[in-house]
Amino acid sequence: VAQNVFEAGLKRFMHEPGYIL
């Protein structure tokens, strides 16, 4: 389950890199 959440977070981060910056 944790791996799925991590993968979703990483995918979102890659989709919106400016969101964290």
PDB file of N, CA and C in Angstrom:
ATOM      1  N   VAL A   1       0.850  -1.201   0.000  1.00  0.00           N
ATOM      2  CA  VAL A   1       0.000   0.000   0.000  1.00  0.00           C
ATOM      3  C   VAL A   1       0.886   1.251   0.000  1.00  0.00           C
ATOM      4  N   ALA A   2       1.888   1.247   0.862  1.00  0.00           N
ATOM      5  CA  ALA A   2       2.776   2.418   0.950  1.00  0.00           C
ATOM      6  C   ALA A   2       3.468   2.661  -0.386  1.00  0.00           C
ATOM      7  N   GLN A   3       3.846   1.567  -1.045  1.00  0.00           N
ATOM      8  CA  GLN A   3       4.529   1.708  -2.335  1.00  0.00           C
ATOM      9  C   GLN A   3       3.600   2.367  -3.350  1.00  0.00           C
ATOM     10  N   ASN A   4       2.322   2.018  -3.300  1.00  0.00           N
ATOM     11  CA  ASN A   4       1.354   2.594  -4.236  1.00  0.00           C
ATOM     12  C   ASN A   4       1.223   4.096  -3.997  1.00  0.00           C
ATOM     13  N   VAL A   5       1.171   4.493  -2.740  1.00  0.00           N
ATOM     14  CA  VAL A   5       1.047   5.918  -2.395  1.00  0.00           C
ATOM     15  C   VAL A   5       2.298   6.664  -2.830  1.00  0.00           C
ATOM     16  N   PHE A   6       3.455   6.066  -2.597  1.00  0.00           N
ATOM     17  CA  PHE A   6       4.723   6.694  -2.988  1.00  0.00           C
ATOM     18  C   PHE A   6       4.782   6.872  -4.493  1.00  0.00           C
ATOM     19  N   GLU A   7       4.338   5.840  -5.230  1.00  0.00           N
ATOM     20  CA  GLU A   7       4.349   5.912  -6.696  1.00  0.00           C
ATOM     21  C   GLU A   7       3.406   7.015  -7.176  1.00  0.00           C
ATOM     22  N   ALA A   8       2.252   7.127  -6.539  1.00  0.00           N
ATOM     23  CA  ALA A   8       1.281   8.156  -6.937  1.00  0.00           C
ATOM     24  C   ALA A   8       1.857   9.542  -6.651  1.00  0.00           C
ATOM     25  N   GLY A   9       2.519   9.697  -5.521  1.00  0.00           N
ATOM     26  CA  GLY A   9       3.112  10.984  -5.166  1.00  0.00           C
ATOM     27  C   GLY A   9       4.220  11.350  -6.139  1.00  0.00           C
ATOM     28  N   LEU A  10       5.040  10.359  -6.491  1.00  0.00           N
ATOM     29  CA  LEU A  10       6.138  10.621  -7.424  1.00  0.00           C
ATOM     30  C   LEU A  10       5.592  11.005  -8.787  1.00  0.00           C
ATOM     31  N   LYS A  11       4.543  10.318  -9.204  1.00  0.00           N
ATOM     32  CA  LYS A  11       3.945  10.606 -10.510  1.00  0.00           C
ATOM     33  C   LYS A  11       3.369  12.026 -10.521  1.00  0.00           C
ATOM     34  N   ARG A  12       2.750  12.407  -9.425  1.00  0.00           N
ATOM     35  CA  ARG A  12       2.174  13.754  -9.327  1.00  0.00           C
ATOM     36  C   ARG A  12       3.296  14.793  -9.324  1.00  0.00           C
ATOM     37  N   PHE A  13       4.381  14.478  -8.632  1.00  0.00           N
ATOM     38  CA  PHE A  13       5.516  15.396  -8.571  1.00  0.00           C
ATOM     39  C   PHE A  13       6.122  15.584  -9.962  1.00  0.00           C
ATOM     40  N   MET A  14       6.212  14.501 -10.731  1.00  0.00           N
ATOM     41  CA  MET A  14       6.782  14.574 -12.075  1.00  0.00           C
ATOM     42  C   MET A  14       5.829  15.323 -13.000  1.00  0.00           C
ATOM     43  N   HIS A  15       4.532  15.200 -12.721  1.00  0.00           N
ATOM     44  CA  HIS A  15       3.537  15.862 -13.563  1.00  0.00           C
ATOM     45  C   HIS A  15       3.488  17.359 -13.254  1.00  0.00           C
ATOM     46  N   GLU A  16       3.735  17.704 -11.967  1.00  0.00           N
ATOM     47  CA  GLU A  16       3.708  19.123 -11.575  1.00  0.00           C
ATOM     48  C   GLU A  16       4.978  19.476 -10.802  1.00  0.00           C
ATOM     49  N   PRO A  17       6.101  19.612 -11.490  1.00  0.00           N
ATOM     50  CA  PRO A  17       7.372  19.926 -10.825  1.00  0.00           C
ATOM     51  C   PRO A  17       7.369  21.336 -10.235  1.00  0.00           C
ATOM     52  N   GLY A  18       6.618  22.251 -10.835  1.00  0.00           N
ATOM     53  CA  GLY A  18       6.560  23.620 -10.332  1.00  0.00           C
ATOM     54  C   GLY A  18       5.737  23.718  -9.062  1.00  0.00           C
ATOM     55  N   TYR A  19       4.963  22.679  -8.748  1.00  0.00           N
ATOM     56  CA  TYR A  19       4.107  22.702  -7.557  1.00  0.00           C
ATOM     57  C   TYR A  19       4.969  22.747  -6.291  1.00  0.00           C
ATOM     58  N   ILE A  20       6.048  21.966  -6.273  1.00  0.00           N
ATOM     59  CA  ILE A  20       6.907  21.930  -5.085  1.00  0.00           C
ATOM     60  C   ILE A  20       7.855  23.128  -5.074  1.00  0.00           C
ATOM     61  N   LEU A  21       8.182  23.637  -6.241  1.00  0.00           N
ATOM     62  CA  LEU A  21       9.112  24.772  -6.301  1.00  0.00           C
ATOM     63  C   LEU A  21       8.334  26.064  -6.090  1.00  0.00           C
TER      64      LEU A  21
END
